[in-house]
Protein backbone atom coordinates (compact mmCIF):
# COMPACT_ATOMS: atom_id res chain seq x y z
CA MET A 1 129.05 102.16 85.65
CA ILE A 2 126.76 103.44 82.88
CA CYS A 3 124.92 100.08 82.87
CA LYS A 4 124.36 100.29 86.61
CA VAL A 5 122.91 103.79 86.25
CA LYS A 6 120.56 102.54 83.51
CA ILE A 7 119.39 99.69 85.75
CA CYS A 8 118.71 102.11 88.62
CA VAL A 9 116.74 104.38 86.29
CA LEU A 10 114.79 101.38 84.97
CA PHE A 11 113.69 100.27 88.42
CA ALA A 12 112.92 103.83 89.45
CA LEU A 13 110.53 103.98 86.52
CA ILE A 14 108.99 100.66 87.54
CA SER A 15 108.43 102.00 91.05
CA LEU A 16 106.88 105.22 89.77
CA ILE A 17 104.71 103.74 87.00
CA PHE A 18 103.99 100.08 87.62
CA ILE A 19 103.75 99.94 91.42
CA PRO A 20 101.26 102.83 91.86
CA THR A 21 99.08 101.04 89.31
CA LEU A 22 98.93 98.08 91.70
CA ALA A 23 97.71 100.38 94.44
CA PHE A 24 94.49 100.95 92.53
CA ALA A 25 93.78 97.22 92.44
CA GLU A 26 90.66 96.15 94.29
CA VAL A 27 92.19 94.65 97.42
CA LYS A 28 89.47 94.17 100.03
CA SER A 29 91.35 91.77 102.26
CA GLY A 30 94.57 89.82 102.40
CA LEU A 31 98.13 90.43 101.38
CA SER A 32 99.20 89.93 97.76
CA VAL A 33 102.62 89.47 96.19
CA ILE A 34 103.33 89.94 92.47
CA ASN A 35 106.59 89.01 90.80
CA ILE A 36 107.96 92.07 88.97
CA SER A 37 111.41 90.62 88.25
CA THR A 38 113.29 91.35 85.05
CA ASP A 39 116.20 89.56 83.44
CA ASP A 40 118.57 91.84 85.33
CA LYS A 41 117.03 92.02 88.79
CA SER A 42 114.55 90.21 91.02
CA GLY A 43 111.70 92.04 92.70
CA TYR A 44 108.25 91.69 94.21
CA ALA A 45 105.38 94.11 94.55
CA ILE A 46 103.50 93.62 97.82
CA TYR A 47 100.16 95.26 98.42
CA TRP A 48 97.36 95.14 100.99
CA PRO A 49 93.94 96.76 101.66
CA LYS A 50 93.66 100.53 101.43
CA ASP A 51 93.01 102.80 104.43
CA ALA A 52 95.12 100.55 106.67
CA GLY A 53 97.07 103.53 108.02
CA LYS A 54 100.76 103.24 108.75
CA VAL A 55 101.90 99.63 108.51
CA ASN A 56 105.08 97.75 109.30
CA LEU A 57 105.97 95.38 106.44
CA GLU A 58 108.11 92.42 107.45
CA ARG A 59 109.92 89.77 105.43
CA ALA A 60 111.41 86.36 106.25
CA VAL A 61 113.29 83.80 104.23
CA LEU A 62 110.89 80.85 104.27
CA ASP A 63 110.86 79.68 107.94
CA GLY A 64 113.40 82.23 109.16
CA SER A 65 112.80 85.15 111.51
CA PHE A 66 110.94 88.23 110.26
CA GLN A 67 112.72 91.54 109.69
CA THR A 68 111.14 94.92 109.05
CA ILE A 69 111.77 96.11 105.49
CA ALA A 70 109.43 99.11 105.32
CA GLU A 71 107.19 101.41 107.35
CA THR A 72 104.68 103.14 105.12
CA GLU A 73 101.20 104.67 104.98
CA LEU A 74 100.77 103.48 101.38
CA ASN A 75 99.12 100.14 100.62
CA TYR A 76 101.98 98.80 98.50
CA PHE A 77 105.75 98.37 98.47
CA ALA A 78 108.31 97.32 95.87
CA ASP A 79 110.95 94.98 97.27
CA PHE A 80 114.06 94.64 95.12
CA ALA A 81 116.36 93.49 97.91
CA VAL A 82 115.64 89.84 97.10
CA GLU A 83 117.46 86.98 95.43
CA LYS A 84 116.31 84.86 92.52
CA GLY A 85 115.11 81.37 93.46
CA VAL A 86 114.57 82.19 97.15
CA THR A 87 111.11 81.93 98.71
CA TYR A 88 110.15 84.84 100.94
CA THR A 89 107.28 85.28 103.35
CA TYR A 90 105.82 88.76 103.86
CA ARG A 91 103.50 89.92 106.61
CA VAL A 92 101.79 93.06 107.89
CA ASN A 93 99.60 93.69 110.90
CA ILE A 94 96.48 95.71 110.13
CA LYS A 95 94.12 96.65 112.96
CA GLY A 96 95.17 93.65 115.01
CA GLU A 97 95.00 91.15 112.13
CA THR A 98 98.18 89.62 110.73
CA LEU A 99 98.19 89.16 106.95
CA THR A 100 100.75 86.81 105.39
CA ALA A 101 101.73 85.93 101.82
CA ILE A 102 104.48 83.97 100.06
CA SER A 103 106.62 85.45 97.29
CA THR A 104 106.69 82.61 94.77
CA GLU A 105 104.51 79.87 93.40
CA ASP A 106 106.93 77.26 94.78
CA ALA A 107 104.54 76.73 97.69
CA GLY A 108 101.49 76.38 95.47
CA GLY A 109 99.37 73.29 95.15
CA ARG A 110 97.59 71.30 97.81
CA PRO A 111 98.80 71.73 101.40
CA GLU A 112 100.18 68.58 103.00
CA ILE A 113 98.80 67.87 106.49
CA SER A 114 101.09 66.20 109.02
CA ASN A 115 102.03 65.88 112.69
CA ILE A 116 98.44 65.57 113.93
CA LYS A 117 98.20 65.49 117.74
CA ILE A 118 95.30 65.38 120.20
CA GLU A 119 95.43 67.02 123.62
CA SER A 120 92.78 66.92 126.33
CA GLY A 121 91.05 70.20 127.00
CA SER A 122 88.58 70.91 129.79
CA VAL A 123 85.93 68.49 131.04
CA GLY A 124 82.84 68.97 133.19
CA LYS A 125 79.73 67.02 134.08
CA THR A 126 78.09 67.55 130.69
CA GLU A 127 80.71 68.97 128.30
CA ALA A 128 84.30 68.37 127.30
CA SER A 129 86.76 69.87 124.82
CA ILE A 130 89.71 68.66 122.79
CA ILE A 131 92.69 70.52 121.29
CA ILE A 132 93.84 69.38 117.84
CA THR A 133 97.26 70.52 116.61
CA PHE A 134 98.79 69.81 113.20
CA SER A 135 101.17 71.20 110.62
CA THR A 136 100.96 72.07 106.93
CA ASP A 137 103.93 72.34 104.58
CA ARG A 138 102.80 75.79 103.47
CA LEU A 139 100.63 78.61 104.76
CA ALA A 140 97.01 77.47 104.95
CA GLN A 141 93.62 78.04 106.52
CA ASN A 142 91.99 75.23 108.47
CA GLN A 143 88.68 73.69 109.51
CA ILE A 144 87.82 70.57 111.52
CA PHE A 145 84.89 68.25 110.73
CA TYR A 146 83.82 65.99 113.60
CA GLY A 147 81.01 63.79 114.91
CA GLU A 148 80.24 60.50 116.64
CA THR A 149 80.28 58.74 113.26
CA ALA A 150 82.34 59.10 110.08
CA ASP A 151 79.48 61.18 108.66
CA TYR A 152 80.66 63.94 111.05
CA GLY A 153 77.77 66.42 111.05
CA ASN A 154 79.67 69.17 112.88
CA GLN A 155 82.47 71.51 111.94
CA THR A 156 84.48 74.32 113.44
CA GLU A 157 84.46 77.78 111.90
CA VAL A 158 87.02 78.30 109.16
CA ASP A 159 90.22 79.80 110.56
CA ASN A 160 91.03 82.37 107.87
CA SER A 161 94.46 83.17 109.26
CA LEU A 162 97.31 81.64 107.26
CA ASN A 163 99.61 79.43 109.31
CA GLN A 164 101.81 76.38 109.05
CA ASN A 165 101.39 75.32 112.68
CA HIS A 166 97.71 75.03 113.58
CA THR A 167 95.89 74.76 116.91
CA VAL A 168 92.12 74.19 116.94
CA LEU A 169 89.91 73.98 120.03
CA VAL A 170 86.87 71.73 119.55
CA GLU A 171 84.26 72.43 122.24
CA LYS A 172 80.83 71.28 123.47
CA LEU A 173 81.63 67.59 123.20
CA LYS A 174 80.25 64.74 125.30
CA PRO A 175 82.61 63.47 128.02
CA ASN A 176 84.10 59.97 127.65
CA THR A 177 82.91 59.69 124.04
CA THR A 178 84.73 58.62 120.88
CA TYR A 179 84.52 61.08 117.97
CA HIS A 180 85.55 60.82 114.34
CA PHE A 181 87.25 63.81 112.73
CA LYS A 182 89.08 65.02 109.65
CA ILE A 183 91.08 68.15 108.94
CA ARG A 184 90.59 70.41 105.94
CA ALA A 185 93.43 72.73 104.91
CA VAL A 186 93.04 75.39 102.21
CA ASP A 187 96.03 77.08 100.56
CA ARG A 188 96.63 80.83 100.54
CA THR A 189 94.80 81.27 97.22
CA GLY A 190 91.67 79.62 98.62
CA THR A 191 91.51 77.20 95.69
CA GLU A 192 93.64 74.17 96.60
CA THR A 193 92.13 72.06 99.38
CA SER A 194 93.45 69.00 101.22
CA GLU A 195 91.65 66.75 103.70
CA SER A 196 93.17 64.31 106.15
CA GLU A 197 92.01 60.73 106.49
CA ASN A 198 89.30 59.94 109.02
CA GLN A 199 90.70 59.70 112.54
CA THR A 200 89.28 59.39 116.05
CA PHE A 201 89.75 60.81 119.52
CA THR A 202 88.10 60.08 122.87
CA THR A 203 87.13 62.87 125.22
CA PRO A 204 88.17 62.61 128.88
CA PRO A 205 85.71 61.15 131.41
CA VAL A 206 83.84 63.22 133.98
CA PRO A 207 86.03 63.68 137.08
CA LYS A 208 85.04 61.47 140.01
CA GLU A 209 83.17 63.37 142.68
CA GLN A 210 84.73 63.10 146.14
CA THR A 211 83.15 63.46 149.53
CA VAL A 212 84.58 65.94 152.03
CA LEU A 213 86.08 63.02 154.00
CA GLU A 214 87.79 61.63 150.86
CA ILE A 215 89.25 65.05 150.06
CA ILE A 216 90.62 65.38 153.62
CA ILE A 217 92.11 61.85 153.56
CA GLU A 218 93.73 62.50 150.17
CA ALA A 219 95.22 65.79 151.39
CA LEU A 220 96.56 64.16 154.60
CA THR A 221 98.02 61.26 152.59
CA LYS A 222 99.89 63.67 150.29
CA ALA A 223 101.08 65.74 153.25
CA PHE A 224 102.28 62.68 155.16
CA SER A 225 104.04 61.33 152.06
CA GLY A 226 105.79 64.68 151.64
CA PHE A 227 106.78 64.65 155.33
CA GLN A 228 108.30 61.18 154.92
CA GLN A 229 110.29 62.31 151.89
CA TRP A 230 111.53 65.28 153.92
CA LEU A 231 112.69 62.97 156.74
CA LYS A 232 114.53 60.73 154.27
CA GLY A 233 116.22 63.74 152.73
């Protein structure tokens, strides 16, 4: 019992002395997690930009659902309700922007890019768009490089939000044209970068223009087909 009291006192001192010190760190953007574990107990200090107002801090076990662990007007929180060897994801929403960070270095290193898919976007007489989706094995930012040759020459703006499932809209493309592209993913520290191999996609062709008579015939054909199905039913 005495040992338990000593441990409680120890972590109370950590919260009063060490954690407020973190609050004075120069945090201009992003969410940061520092390991403050001891031999007796695991813990993380989470802090975010000052003057954020009241925030709702959430935590999830890796890919699990998020649960609220604190509501505070401070820009830091000490989380001791964690287990050793478990990776946690923390997030807060500040002025409409969601900030996310991971609790351990287990997810460090270069992000691995996988599950790349291409979906057709909109298409008009002069412009088309494509939607590129992909996954990373850890939270990462993304950017797409694209062009009519493997030299690319164009790129999307960097998506600074940290995600594992990514969706990027590439616009102002030529219809019915083959483009080369590659994906760049940057880890949460902004230092480890991965790039996919060169790949290609083809934008959809311009829709065929129909005369008024063709539109009427097509509509009548569909209506008559539906009427026949109704009779058979």
